[in-house]
Amino acid sequence: MSNGVRHWWLQRVSSIALVPLSIWFVVSLIALPLSNHAVLVDWLSHSWNTLLLLLFALVATWHSQLGVRVVIEDYVHTPGLNTFALLASTAAHVLIAVAVIYAVLKIAL
């Protein structure tokens, strides 16, 4: 399988995974009184909610990185700038993923 086809499939798989995770996330937020911090902490302390929130955030970050990569590859034509933009984008997405993992686990545990 070529790299382009693999990338295309990964984007489709991540978008399909985001559908039920997004529905779960939105329904959960609607059901919670977000003005009460203790309720949110209690909700997040349940292992299924922690797992699903981490999965949602990581899949969304991965999906975003795949999409931004395509945009950079298609529209940044200067070789050095293209490489820099790809590295910066990847670093930013990794930083976001690590920050989400840290924040969720800090609250949940």
C-alpha atoms as a PDB file:
ATOM      1  CA  MET A   1       0.000   0.000   0.000  1.00  0.00           C
ATOM      2  CA  SER A   2       1.445   3.368  -0.965  1.00  0.00           C
ATOM      3  CA  ASN A   3       2.017   6.076   1.619  1.00  0.00           C
ATOM      4  CA  GLY A   4      -0.731   8.291   0.147  1.00  0.00           C
ATOM      5  CA  VAL A   5      -3.306   5.491   0.240  1.00  0.00           C
ATOM      6  CA  ARG A   6      -2.304   4.618   3.809  1.00  0.00           C
ATOM      7  CA  HIS A   7      -2.680   8.252   4.865  1.00  0.00           C
ATOM      8  CA  TRP A   8      -6.086   8.454   3.169  1.00  0.00           C
ATOM      9  CA  TRP A   9      -7.268   5.309   4.997  1.00  0.00           C
ATOM     10  CA  LEU A  10      -5.955   6.539   8.351  1.00  0.00           C
ATOM     11  CA  GLN A  11      -7.902   9.761   7.930  1.00  0.00           C
ATOM     12  CA  ARG A  12     -11.081   7.842   7.132  1.00  0.00           C
ATOM     13  CA  VAL A  13     -10.633   5.441  10.047  1.00  0.00           C
ATOM     14  CA  SER A  14     -10.013   8.288  12.491  1.00  0.00           C
ATOM     15  CA  SER A  15     -13.042  10.200  11.210  1.00  0.00           C
ATOM     16  CA  ILE A  16     -15.249   7.123  11.611  1.00  0.00           C
ATOM     17  CA  ALA A  17     -13.937   6.630  15.160  1.00  0.00           C
ATOM     18  CA  LEU A  18     -14.709  10.267  15.946  1.00  0.00           C
ATOM     19  CA  VAL A  19     -18.416   9.911  15.135  1.00  0.00           C
ATOM     20  CA  PRO A  20     -19.471   7.828  18.173  1.00  0.00           C
ATOM     21  CA  LEU A  21     -16.867   9.509  20.395  1.00  0.00           C
ATOM     22  CA  SER A  22     -18.164  12.974  19.444  1.00  0.00           C
ATOM     23  CA  ILE A  23     -21.758  11.938  20.060  1.00  0.00           C
ATOM     24  CA  TRP A  24     -20.790  10.526  23.470  1.00  0.00           C
ATOM     25  CA  PHE A  25     -18.873  13.711  24.330  1.00  0.00           C
ATOM     26  CA  VAL A  26     -21.657  16.109  23.331  1.00  0.00           C
ATOM     27  CA  VAL A  27     -24.381  14.064  25.071  1.00  0.00           C
ATOM     28  CA  SER A  28     -22.227  13.851  28.206  1.00  0.00           C
ATOM     29  CA  LEU A  29     -21.637  17.592  28.273  1.00  0.00           C
ATOM     30  CA  ILE A  30     -25.306  18.351  27.764  1.00  0.00           C
ATOM     31  CA  ALA A  31     -26.228  16.015  30.641  1.00  0.00           C
ATOM     32  CA  LEU A  32     -23.742  17.600  33.069  1.00  0.00           C
ATOM     33  CA  PRO A  33     -24.255  20.817  34.984  1.00  0.00           C
ATOM     34  CA  LEU A  34     -20.949  22.375  33.928  1.00  0.00           C
ATOM     35  CA  SER A  35     -21.211  25.171  36.462  1.00  0.00           C
ATOM     36  CA  ASN A  36     -20.441  22.672  39.222  1.00  0.00           C
ATOM     37  CA  HIS A  37     -16.758  21.689  39.311  1.00  0.00           C
ATOM     38  CA  ALA A  38     -17.304  18.835  41.780  1.00  0.00           C
ATOM     39  CA  VAL A  39     -19.822  17.144  39.480  1.00  0.00           C
ATOM     40  CA  LEU A  40     -17.408  17.348  36.565  1.00  0.00           C
ATOM     41  CA  VAL A  41     -14.560  15.888  38.650  1.00  0.00           C
ATOM     42  CA  ASP A  42     -16.864  13.100  39.861  1.00  0.00           C
ATOM     43  CA  TRP A  43     -17.943  12.369  36.282  1.00  0.00           C
ATOM     44  CA  LEU A  44     -14.341  12.244  35.100  1.00  0.00           C
ATOM     45  CA  SER A  45     -13.299   9.968  37.957  1.00  0.00           C
ATOM     46  CA  HIS A  46     -15.397   7.132  36.483  1.00  0.00           C
ATOM     47  CA  SER A  47     -13.000   4.944  34.525  1.00  0.00           C
ATOM     48  CA  TRP A  48     -15.165   4.679  31.391  1.00  0.00           C
ATOM     49  CA  ASN A  49     -15.501   8.444  31.135  1.00  0.00           C
ATOM     50  CA  THR A  50     -11.760   8.895  31.623  1.00  0.00           C
ATOM     51  CA  LEU A  51     -10.970   6.290  28.984  1.00  0.00           C
ATOM     52  CA  LEU A  52     -13.483   7.650  26.460  1.00  0.00           C
ATOM     53  CA  LEU A  53     -12.375  11.255  26.984  1.00  0.00           C
ATOM     54  CA  LEU A  54      -8.732  10.311  26.478  1.00  0.00           C
ATOM     55  CA  LEU A  55      -9.628   8.279  23.411  1.00  0.00           C
ATOM     56  CA  PHE A  56     -11.718  11.134  21.997  1.00  0.00           C
ATOM     57  CA  ALA A  57      -8.957  13.697  22.554  1.00  0.00           C
ATOM     58  CA  LEU A  58      -6.207  11.487  21.145  1.00  0.00           C
ATOM     59  CA  VAL A  59      -8.157  10.433  18.058  1.00  0.00           C
ATOM     60  CA  ALA A  60      -9.200  14.048  17.437  1.00  0.00           C
ATOM     61  CA  THR A  61      -5.604  15.221  17.775  1.00  0.00           C
ATOM     62  CA  TRP A  62      -4.382  12.469  15.460  1.00  0.00           C
ATOM     63  CA  HIS A  63      -7.108  13.257  12.917  1.00  0.00           C
ATOM     64  CA  SER A  64      -6.204  16.946  13.086  1.00  0.00           C
ATOM     65  CA  GLN A  65      -2.514  16.189  12.555  1.00  0.00           C
ATOM     66  CA  LEU A  66      -3.334  14.084   9.492  1.00  0.00           C
ATOM     67  CA  GLY A  67      -5.436  16.887   8.008  1.00  0.00           C
ATOM     68  CA  VAL A  68      -2.948  19.664   8.727  1.00  0.00           C
ATOM     69  CA  ARG A  69      -0.184  17.529   7.206  1.00  0.00           C
ATOM     70  CA  VAL A  70      -2.117  17.286   3.921  1.00  0.00           C
ATOM     71  CA  VAL A  71      -2.682  21.047   3.851  1.00  0.00           C
ATOM     72  CA  ILE A  72       1.022  21.746   4.438  1.00  0.00           C
ATOM     73  CA  GLU A  73       2.103  19.214   1.822  1.00  0.00           C
ATOM     74  CA  ASP A  74      -0.343  20.649  -0.726  1.00  0.00           C
ATOM     75  CA  TYR A  75       0.244  24.370  -0.173  1.00  0.00           C
ATOM     76  CA  VAL A  76       3.780  24.872   1.205  1.00  0.00           C
ATOM     77  CA  HIS A  77       6.087  24.355  -1.749  1.00  0.00           C
ATOM     78  CA  THR A  78       9.407  25.674  -0.425  1.00  0.00           C
ATOM     79  CA  PRO A  79      11.340  22.554   0.690  1.00  0.00           C
ATOM     80  CA  GLY A  80      12.886  23.998   3.879  1.00  0.00           C
ATOM     81  CA  LEU A  81       9.686  25.726   4.905  1.00  0.00           C
ATOM     82  CA  ASN A  82       7.677  22.588   4.156  1.00  0.00           C
ATOM     83  CA  THR A  83       9.911  20.507   6.430  1.00  0.00           C
ATOM     84  CA  PHE A  84       9.805  23.123   9.179  1.00  0.00           C
ATOM     85  CA  ALA A  85       6.009  23.430   8.967  1.00  0.00           C
ATOM     86  CA  LEU A  86       5.568  19.648   9.121  1.00  0.00           C
ATOM     87  CA  LEU A  87       7.882  19.374  12.134  1.00  0.00           C
ATOM     88  CA  ALA A  88       6.217  22.308  13.906  1.00  0.00           C
ATOM     89  CA  SER A  89       2.753  20.906  13.241  1.00  0.00           C
ATOM     90  CA  THR A  90       3.710  17.460  14.508  1.00  0.00           C
ATOM     91  CA  ALA A  91       5.357  18.946  17.605  1.00  0.00           C
ATOM     92  CA  ALA A  92       2.291  21.083  18.324  1.00  0.00           C
ATOM     93  CA  HIS A  93      -0.043  18.090  17.994  1.00  0.00           C
ATOM     94  CA  VAL A  94       2.153  15.955  20.253  1.00  0.00           C
ATOM     95  CA  LEU A  95       2.234  18.781  22.810  1.00  0.00           C
ATOM     96  CA  ILE A  96      -1.550  19.059  22.710  1.00  0.00           C
ATOM     97  CA  ALA A  97      -1.959  15.287  23.140  1.00  0.00           C
ATOM     98  CA  VAL A  98       0.453  15.190  26.089  1.00  0.00           C
ATOM     99  CA  ALA A  99      -1.258  18.177  27.719  1.00  0.00           C
ATOM    100  CA  VAL A 100      -4.680  16.532  27.381  1.00  0.00           C
ATOM    101  CA  ILE A 101      -3.427  13.244  28.798  1.00  0.00           C
ATOM    102  CA  TYR A 102      -1.813  15.038  31.724  1.00  0.00           C
ATOM    103  CA  ALA A 103      -4.879  17.187  32.454  1.00  0.00           C
ATOM    104  CA  VAL A 104      -7.380  14.337  32.276  1.00  0.00           C
ATOM    105  CA  LEU A 105      -5.290  11.984  34.378  1.00  0.00           C
ATOM    106  CA  LYS A 106      -4.545  14.698  36.927  1.00  0.00           C
ATOM    107  CA  ILE A 107      -8.261  15.276  37.438  1.00  0.00           C
ATOM    108  CA  ALA A 108      -9.296  11.617  37.182  1.00  0.00           C
ATOM    109  CA  LEU A 109      -6.742  10.156  39.566  1.00  0.00           C
END
